[in-house]
Every structure is written in structure tokens, then in C-alpha cells.
Amino acid sequence: MSKYAPLWKYLKDNDRDMYKLSFDEIKSILGFDIDHSFLTYKKEAVDYGYEVGKISMKDKSVIFNKVF
């Protein structure tokens, strides 16, 4: 199981069309800060019905979009 599985499960369980989560909100869900490995693992989100949209270093946020 991926270390990001709790984040993917959170997205799937709450079932919204779009999320904009701050890095702090993601840390709260995961229990750790996201790091560069997130870029590798982000493709797993599709298995849970989401894709990673924009990752903003300026806003310190990530947008997730539901895959229809």
C-alpha cells in the first residue's frame, strides 16, 4: 500500500468534483508533509477516481479533480 493511500481514500470517501487542499490540510490527512515523491505517487489518485491538477508552490496547495 502506498504511503499516500490515506489521501486518496479521503478524496474518494468525500466524493467531491474538485478539491483544493493546502499542504497543511494534506499533512493533517497523511500525518506527514508531502515531498518530492508525491510527483511519482500522484498517478495513483486515478485508481481512486481523481487526478492531480495543479500543484502550486506559491499557494502551497494541490488541486484534485474527479475523473468522470
PDB file of N, CA and C in Angstrom:
ATOM      1  N   MET A   1       0.846  -1.187   0.000  1.00  0.00           N
ATOM      2  CA  MET A   1       0.000   0.000   0.000  1.00  0.00           C
ATOM      3  C   MET A   1       0.888   1.247   0.000  1.00  0.00           C
ATOM      4  N   SER A   2       0.491   2.211  -0.763  1.00  0.00           N
ATOM      5  CA  SER A   2       1.218   3.468  -0.905  1.00  0.00           C
ATOM      6  C   SER A   2       1.134   4.307   0.366  1.00  0.00           C
ATOM      7  N   LYS A   3       2.177   5.071   0.611  1.00  0.00           N
ATOM      8  CA  LYS A   3       2.137   5.971   1.766  1.00  0.00           C
ATOM      9  C   LYS A   3       1.118   7.092   1.577  1.00  0.00           C
ATOM     10  N   TYR A   4       0.670   7.300   0.346  1.00  0.00           N
ATOM     11  CA  TYR A   4      -0.331   8.327   0.069  1.00  0.00           C
ATOM     12  C   TYR A   4      -1.760   7.774   0.042  1.00  0.00           C
ATOM     13  N   ALA A   5      -1.930   6.492   0.301  1.00  0.00           N
ATOM     14  CA  ALA A   5      -3.258   5.867   0.274  1.00  0.00           C
ATOM     15  C   ALA A   5      -4.277   6.581   1.169  1.00  0.00           C
ATOM     16  N   PRO A   6      -3.918   7.050   2.372  1.00  0.00           N
ATOM     17  CA  PRO A   6      -4.920   7.775   3.178  1.00  0.00           C
ATOM     18  C   PRO A   6      -5.458   9.031   2.496  1.00  0.00           C
ATOM     19  N   LEU A   7      -4.624   9.698   1.718  1.00  0.00           N
ATOM     20  CA  LEU A   7      -5.065  10.886   0.983  1.00  0.00           C
ATOM     21  C   LEU A   7      -6.032  10.488  -0.128  1.00  0.00           C
ATOM     22  N   TRP A   8      -5.686   9.455  -0.871  1.00  0.00           N
ATOM     23  CA  TRP A   8      -6.566   9.002  -1.946  1.00  0.00           C
ATOM     24  C   TRP A   8      -7.905   8.541  -1.387  1.00  0.00           C
ATOM     25  N   LYS A   9      -7.866   7.837  -0.263  1.00  0.00           N
ATOM     26  CA  LYS A   9      -9.099   7.359   0.377  1.00  0.00           C
ATOM     27  C   LYS A   9      -9.946   8.543   0.843  1.00  0.00           C
ATOM     28  N   TYR A  10      -9.309   9.562   1.387  1.00  0.00           N
ATOM     29  CA  TYR A  10     -10.019  10.773   1.817  1.00  0.00           C
ATOM     30  C   TYR A  10     -10.769  11.393   0.640  1.00  0.00           C
ATOM     31  N   LEU A  11     -10.094  11.518  -0.489  1.00  0.00           N
ATOM     32  CA  LEU A  11     -10.737  12.097  -1.671  1.00  0.00           C
ATOM     33  C   LEU A  11     -11.937  11.262  -2.099  1.00  0.00           C
ATOM     34  N   LYS A  12     -11.744   9.970  -2.185  1.00  0.00           N
ATOM     35  CA  LYS A  12     -12.809   9.071  -2.633  1.00  0.00           C
ATOM     36  C   LYS A  12     -13.986   9.065  -1.658  1.00  0.00           C
ATOM     37  N   ASP A  13     -13.703   9.014  -0.362  1.00  0.00           N
ATOM     38  CA  ASP A  13     -14.762   8.937   0.651  1.00  0.00           C
ATOM     39  C   ASP A  13     -15.610  10.202   0.704  1.00  0.00           C
ATOM     40  N   ASN A  14     -15.007  11.355   0.412  1.00  0.00           N
ATOM     41  CA  ASN A  14     -15.738  12.618   0.474  1.00  0.00           C
ATOM     42  C   ASN A  14     -16.383  12.987  -0.855  1.00  0.00           C
ATOM     43  N   ASP A  15     -15.954  12.349  -1.934  1.00  0.00           N
ATOM     44  CA  ASP A  15     -16.611  12.377  -3.239  1.00  0.00           C
ATOM     45  C   ASP A  15     -17.063  13.751  -3.729  1.00  0.00           C
ATOM     46  N   ARG A  16     -16.116  14.670  -3.827  1.00  0.00           N
ATOM     47  CA  ARG A  16     -16.418  15.975  -4.412  1.00  0.00           C
ATOM     48  C   ARG A  16     -15.849  16.029  -5.831  1.00  0.00           C
ATOM     49  N   ASP A  17     -16.383  16.922  -6.646  1.00  0.00           N
ATOM     50  CA  ASP A  17     -15.895  17.060  -8.016  1.00  0.00           C
ATOM     51  C   ASP A  17     -14.490  17.647  -8.072  1.00  0.00           C
ATOM     52  N   MET A  18     -14.177  18.518  -7.105  1.00  0.00           N
ATOM     53  CA  MET A  18     -12.884  19.186  -7.080  1.00  0.00           C
ATOM     54  C   MET A  18     -12.503  19.503  -5.650  1.00  0.00           C
ATOM     55  N   TYR A  19     -11.254  19.327  -5.369  1.00  0.00           N
ATOM     56  CA  TYR A  19     -10.694  19.703  -4.072  1.00  0.00           C
ATOM     57  C   TYR A  19      -9.536  20.657  -4.310  1.00  0.00           C
ATOM     58  N   LYS A  20      -9.395  21.625  -3.421  1.00  0.00           N
ATOM     59  CA  LYS A  20      -8.166  22.414  -3.351  1.00  0.00           C
ATOM     60  C   LYS A  20      -7.709  22.292  -1.906  1.00  0.00           C
ATOM     61  N   LEU A  21      -6.692  21.482  -1.703  1.00  0.00           N
ATOM     62  CA  LEU A  21      -6.191  21.231  -0.359  1.00  0.00           C
ATOM     63  C   LEU A  21      -4.841  21.900  -0.175  1.00  0.00           C
ATOM     64  N   SER A  22      -4.680  22.546   0.955  1.00  0.00           N
ATOM     65  CA  SER A  22      -3.388  23.149   1.272  1.00  0.00           C
ATOM     66  C   SER A  22      -2.410  22.051   1.691  1.00  0.00           C
ATOM     67  N   PHE A  23      -1.142  22.363   1.645  1.00  0.00           N
ATOM     68  CA  PHE A  23      -0.137  21.404   2.092  1.00  0.00           C
ATOM     69  C   PHE A  23      -0.397  21.033   3.550  1.00  0.00           C
ATOM     70  N   ASP A  24      -0.850  21.993   4.364  1.00  0.00           N
ATOM     71  CA  ASP A  24      -1.139  21.713   5.778  1.00  0.00           C
ATOM     72  C   ASP A  24      -2.324  20.761   5.928  1.00  0.00           C
ATOM     73  N   GLU A  25      -3.355  20.932   5.092  1.00  0.00           N
ATOM     74  CA  GLU A  25      -4.507  20.014   5.137  1.00  0.00           C
ATOM     75  C   GLU A  25      -4.077  18.603   4.735  1.00  0.00           C
ATOM     76  N   ILE A  26      -3.226  18.520   3.731  1.00  0.00           N
ATOM     77  CA  ILE A  26      -2.723  17.216   3.295  1.00  0.00           C
ATOM     78  C   ILE A  26      -1.890  16.587   4.402  1.00  0.00           C
ATOM     79  N   LYS A  27      -1.079  17.396   5.059  1.00  0.00           N
ATOM     80  CA  LYS A  27      -0.279  16.887   6.182  1.00  0.00           C
ATOM     81  C   LYS A  27      -1.186  16.353   7.283  1.00  0.00           C
ATOM     82  N   SER A  28      -2.281  17.037   7.541  1.00  0.00           N
ATOM     83  CA  SER A  28      -3.228  16.602   8.562  1.00  0.00           C
ATOM     84  C   SER A  28      -3.843  15.243   8.203  1.00  0.00           C
ATOM     85  N   ILE A  29      -4.120  15.031   6.933  1.00  0.00           N
ATOM     86  CA  ILE A  29      -4.709  13.765   6.467  1.00  0.00           C
ATOM     87  C   ILE A  29      -3.676  12.637   6.523  1.00  0.00           C
ATOM     88  N   LEU A  30      -2.461  12.935   6.086  1.00  0.00           N
ATOM     89  CA  LEU A  30      -1.428  11.909   5.969  1.00  0.00           C
ATOM     90  C   LEU A  30      -0.627  11.682   7.250  1.00  0.00           C
ATOM     91  N   GLY A  31      -0.445  12.744   8.009  1.00  0.00           N
ATOM     92  CA  GLY A  31       0.415  12.652   9.186  1.00  0.00           C
ATOM     93  C   GLY A  31       1.862  13.004   8.886  1.00  0.00           C
ATOM     94  N   PHE A  32       2.132  13.445   7.671  1.00  0.00           N
ATOM     95  CA  PHE A  32       3.476  13.874   7.286  1.00  0.00           C
ATOM     96  C   PHE A  32       3.371  14.865   6.128  1.00  0.00           C
ATOM     97  N   ASP A  33       4.427  15.648   5.937  1.00  0.00           N
ATOM     98  CA  ASP A  33       4.479  16.604   4.831  1.00  0.00           C
ATOM     99  C   ASP A  33       4.649  15.871   3.504  1.00  0.00           C
ATOM    100  N   ILE A  34       3.998  16.389   2.455  1.00  0.00           N
ATOM    101  CA  ILE A  34       4.273  15.828   1.137  1.00  0.00           C
ATOM    102  C   ILE A  34       5.671  16.255   0.730  1.00  0.00           C
ATOM    103  N   ASP A  35       6.312  15.413  -0.052  1.00  0.00           N
ATOM    104  CA  ASP A  35       7.663  15.714  -0.506  1.00  0.00           C
ATOM    105  C   ASP A  35       7.751  15.453  -2.012  1.00  0.00           C
ATOM    106  N   HIS A  36       8.946  15.460  -2.523  1.00  0.00           N
ATOM    107  CA  HIS A  36       9.148  15.295  -3.974  1.00  0.00           C
ATOM    108  C   HIS A  36       8.581  13.967  -4.480  1.00  0.00           C
ATOM    109  N   SER A  37       8.521  12.950  -3.624  1.00  0.00           N
ATOM    110  CA  SER A  37       7.988  11.654  -4.054  1.00  0.00           C
ATOM    111  C   SER A  37       6.516  11.746  -4.451  1.00  0.00           C
ATOM    112  N   PHE A  38       5.832  12.798  -4.006  1.00  0.00           N
ATOM    113  CA  PHE A  38       4.428  12.980  -4.376  1.00  0.00           C
ATOM    114  C   PHE A  38       4.274  13.001  -5.890  1.00  0.00           C
ATOM    115  N   LEU A  39       5.253  13.542  -6.584  1.00  0.00           N
ATOM    116  CA  LEU A  39       5.203  13.611  -8.049  1.00  0.00           C
ATOM    117  C   LEU A  39       5.167  12.217  -8.667  1.00  0.00           C
ATOM    118  N   THR A  40       5.814  11.262  -8.029  1.00  0.00           N
ATOM    119  CA  THR A  40       5.796   9.884  -8.506  1.00  0.00           C
ATOM    120  C   THR A  40       4.479   9.205  -8.169  1.00  0.00           C
ATOM    121  N   TYR A  41       3.994   9.427  -6.959  1.00  0.00           N
ATOM    122  CA  TYR A  41       2.802   8.741  -6.469  1.00  0.00           C
ATOM    123  C   TYR A  41       1.485   9.347  -6.953  1.00  0.00           C
ATOM    124  N   LYS A  42       1.520  10.560  -7.480  1.00  0.00           N
ATOM    125  CA  LYS A  42       0.270  11.237  -7.831  1.00  0.00           C
ATOM    126  C   LYS A  42      -0.562  10.459  -8.851  1.00  0.00           C
ATOM    127  N   LYS A  43       0.079   9.636  -9.659  1.00  0.00           N
ATOM    128  CA  LYS A  43      -0.657   8.849 -10.655  1.00  0.00           C
ATOM    129  C   LYS A  43      -1.591   7.834  -9.997  1.00  0.00           C
ATOM    130  N   GLU A  44      -1.352   7.476  -8.744  1.00  0.00           N
ATOM    131  CA  GLU A  44      -2.213   6.540  -8.017  1.00  0.00           C
ATOM    132  C   GLU A  44      -3.609   7.110  -7.776  1.00  0.00           C
ATOM    133  N   ALA A  45      -3.741   8.408  -7.766  1.00  0.00           N
ATOM    134  CA  ALA A  45      -5.034   9.043  -7.496  1.00  0.00           C
ATOM    135  C   ALA A  45      -6.105   8.585  -8.480  1.00  0.00           C
ATOM    136  N   VAL A  46      -5.703   8.274  -9.704  1.00  0.00           N
ATOM    137  CA  VAL A  46      -6.651   7.836 -10.732  1.00  0.00           C
ATOM    138  C   VAL A  46      -7.359   6.553 -10.300  1.00  0.00           C
ATOM    139  N   ASP A  47      -6.663   5.692  -9.577  1.00  0.00           N
ATOM    140  CA  ASP A  47      -7.272   4.448  -9.084  1.00  0.00           C
ATOM    141  C   ASP A  47      -8.406   4.725  -8.099  1.00  0.00           C
ATOM    142  N   TYR A  48      -8.441   5.926  -7.547  1.00  0.00           N
ATOM    143  CA  TYR A  48      -9.468   6.326  -6.584  1.00  0.00           C
ATOM    144  C   TYR A  48     -10.456   7.317  -7.186  1.00  0.00           C
ATOM    145  N   GLY A  49     -10.346   7.534  -8.500  1.00  0.00           N
ATOM    146  CA  GLY A  49     -11.297   8.389  -9.199  1.00  0.00           C
ATOM    147  C   GLY A  49     -10.908   9.849  -9.308  1.00  0.00           C
ATOM    148  N   TYR A  50      -9.651  10.177  -9.028  1.00  0.00           N
ATOM    149  CA  TYR A  50      -9.194  11.569  -9.081  1.00  0.00           C
ATOM    150  C   TYR A  50      -7.889  11.680  -9.843  1.00  0.00           C
ATOM    151  N   GLU A  51      -7.636  12.894 -10.320  1.00  0.00           N
ATOM    152  CA  GLU A  51      -6.339  13.199 -10.906  1.00  0.00           C
ATOM    153  C   GLU A  51      -5.804  14.453 -10.230  1.00  0.00           C
ATOM    154  N   VAL A  52      -4.507  14.528 -10.164  1.00  0.00           N
ATOM    155  CA  VAL A  52      -3.874  15.701  -9.582  1.00  0.00           C
ATOM    156  C   VAL A  52      -3.841  16.768 -10.663  1.00  0.00           C
ATOM    157  N   GLY A  53      -4.436  17.909 -10.352  1.00  0.00           N
ATOM    158  CA  GLY A  53      -4.428  19.031 -11.279  1.00  0.00           C
ATOM    159  C   GLY A  53      -3.183  19.861 -11.049  1.00  0.00           C
ATOM    160  N   LYS A  54      -3.381  21.050 -10.561  1.00  0.00           N
ATOM    161  CA  LYS A  54      -2.270  21.984 -10.351  1.00  0.00           C
ATOM    162  C   LYS A  54      -1.667  21.818  -8.958  1.00  0.00           C
ATOM    163  N   ILE A  55      -0.353  21.785  -8.922  1.00  0.00           N
ATOM    164  CA  ILE A  55       0.390  21.829  -7.667  1.00  0.00           C
ATOM    165  C   ILE A  55       1.009  23.221  -7.607  1.00  0.00           C
ATOM    166  N   SER A  56       0.560  24.021  -6.632  1.00  0.00           N
ATOM    167  CA  SER A  56       1.044  25.394  -6.528  1.00  0.00           C
ATOM    168  C   SER A  56       2.007  25.535  -5.352  1.00  0.00           C
ATOM    169  N   MET A  57       3.248  25.803  -5.686  1.00  0.00           N
ATOM    170  CA  MET A  57       4.242  26.047  -4.628  1.00  0.00           C
ATOM    171  C   MET A  57       4.009  27.426  -4.010  1.00  0.00           C
ATOM    172  N   LYS A  58       3.501  28.347  -4.788  1.00  0.00           N
ATOM    173  CA  LYS A  58       3.232  29.695  -4.292  1.00  0.00           C
ATOM    174  C   LYS A  58       2.118  29.673  -3.244  1.00  0.00           C
ATOM    175  N   ASP A  59       0.996  29.022  -3.584  1.00  0.00           N
ATOM    176  CA  ASP A  59      -0.143  28.939  -2.659  1.00  0.00           C
ATOM    177  C   ASP A  59      -0.001  27.800  -1.667  1.00  0.00           C
ATOM    178  N   LYS A  60       0.983  26.933  -1.902  1.00  0.00           N
ATOM    179  CA  LYS A  60       1.169  25.729  -1.084  1.00  0.00           C
ATOM    180  C   LYS A  60      -0.129  24.924  -1.048  1.00  0.00           C
ATOM    181  N   SER A  61      -0.592  24.572  -2.254  1.00  0.00           N
ATOM    182  CA  SER A  61      -1.841  23.827  -2.377  1.00  0.00           C
ATOM    183  C   SER A  61      -1.785  22.877  -3.569  1.00  0.00           C
ATOM    184  N   VAL A  62      -2.705  21.933  -3.543  1.00  0.00           N
ATOM    185  CA  VAL A  62      -2.837  20.979  -4.644  1.00  0.00           C
ATOM    186  C   VAL A  62      -4.314  20.905  -5.015  1.00  0.00           C
ATOM    187  N   ILE A  63      -4.585  20.937  -6.312  1.00  0.00           N
ATOM    188  CA  ILE A  63      -5.956  20.779  -6.797  1.00  0.00           C
ATOM    189  C   ILE A  63      -6.114  19.352  -7.313  1.00  0.00           C
ATOM    190  N   PHE A  64      -7.199  18.719  -6.871  1.00  0.00           N
ATOM    191  CA  PHE A  64      -7.547  17.373  -7.309  1.00  0.00           C
ATOM    192  C   PHE A  64      -8.880  17.460  -8.035  1.00  0.00           C
ATOM    193  N   ASN A  65      -8.982  16.824  -9.191  1.00  0.00           N
ATOM    194  CA  ASN A  65     -10.206  16.826  -9.983  1.00  0.00           C
ATOM    195  C   ASN A  65     -10.733  15.402 -10.119  1.00  0.00           C
ATOM    196  N   LYS A  66     -12.047  15.279  -9.958  1.00  0.00           N
ATOM    197  CA  LYS A  66     -12.674  13.970 -10.127  1.00  0.00           C
ATOM    198  C   LYS A  66     -12.625  13.577 -11.590  1.00  0.00           C
ATOM    199  N   VAL A  67     -12.304  12.307 -11.824  1.00  0.00           N
ATOM    200  CA  VAL A  67     -12.271  11.770 -13.169  1.00  0.00           C
ATOM    201  C   VAL A  67     -13.638  11.163 -13.444  1.00  0.00           C
ATOM    202  N   PHE A  68     -14.320  11.646 -14.499  1.00  0.00           N
ATOM    203  CA  PHE A  68     -15.670  11.165 -14.798  1.00  0.00           C
ATOM    204  C   PHE A  68     -15.658  10.055 -15.798  1.00  0.00           C
TER     205      PHE A  68
END
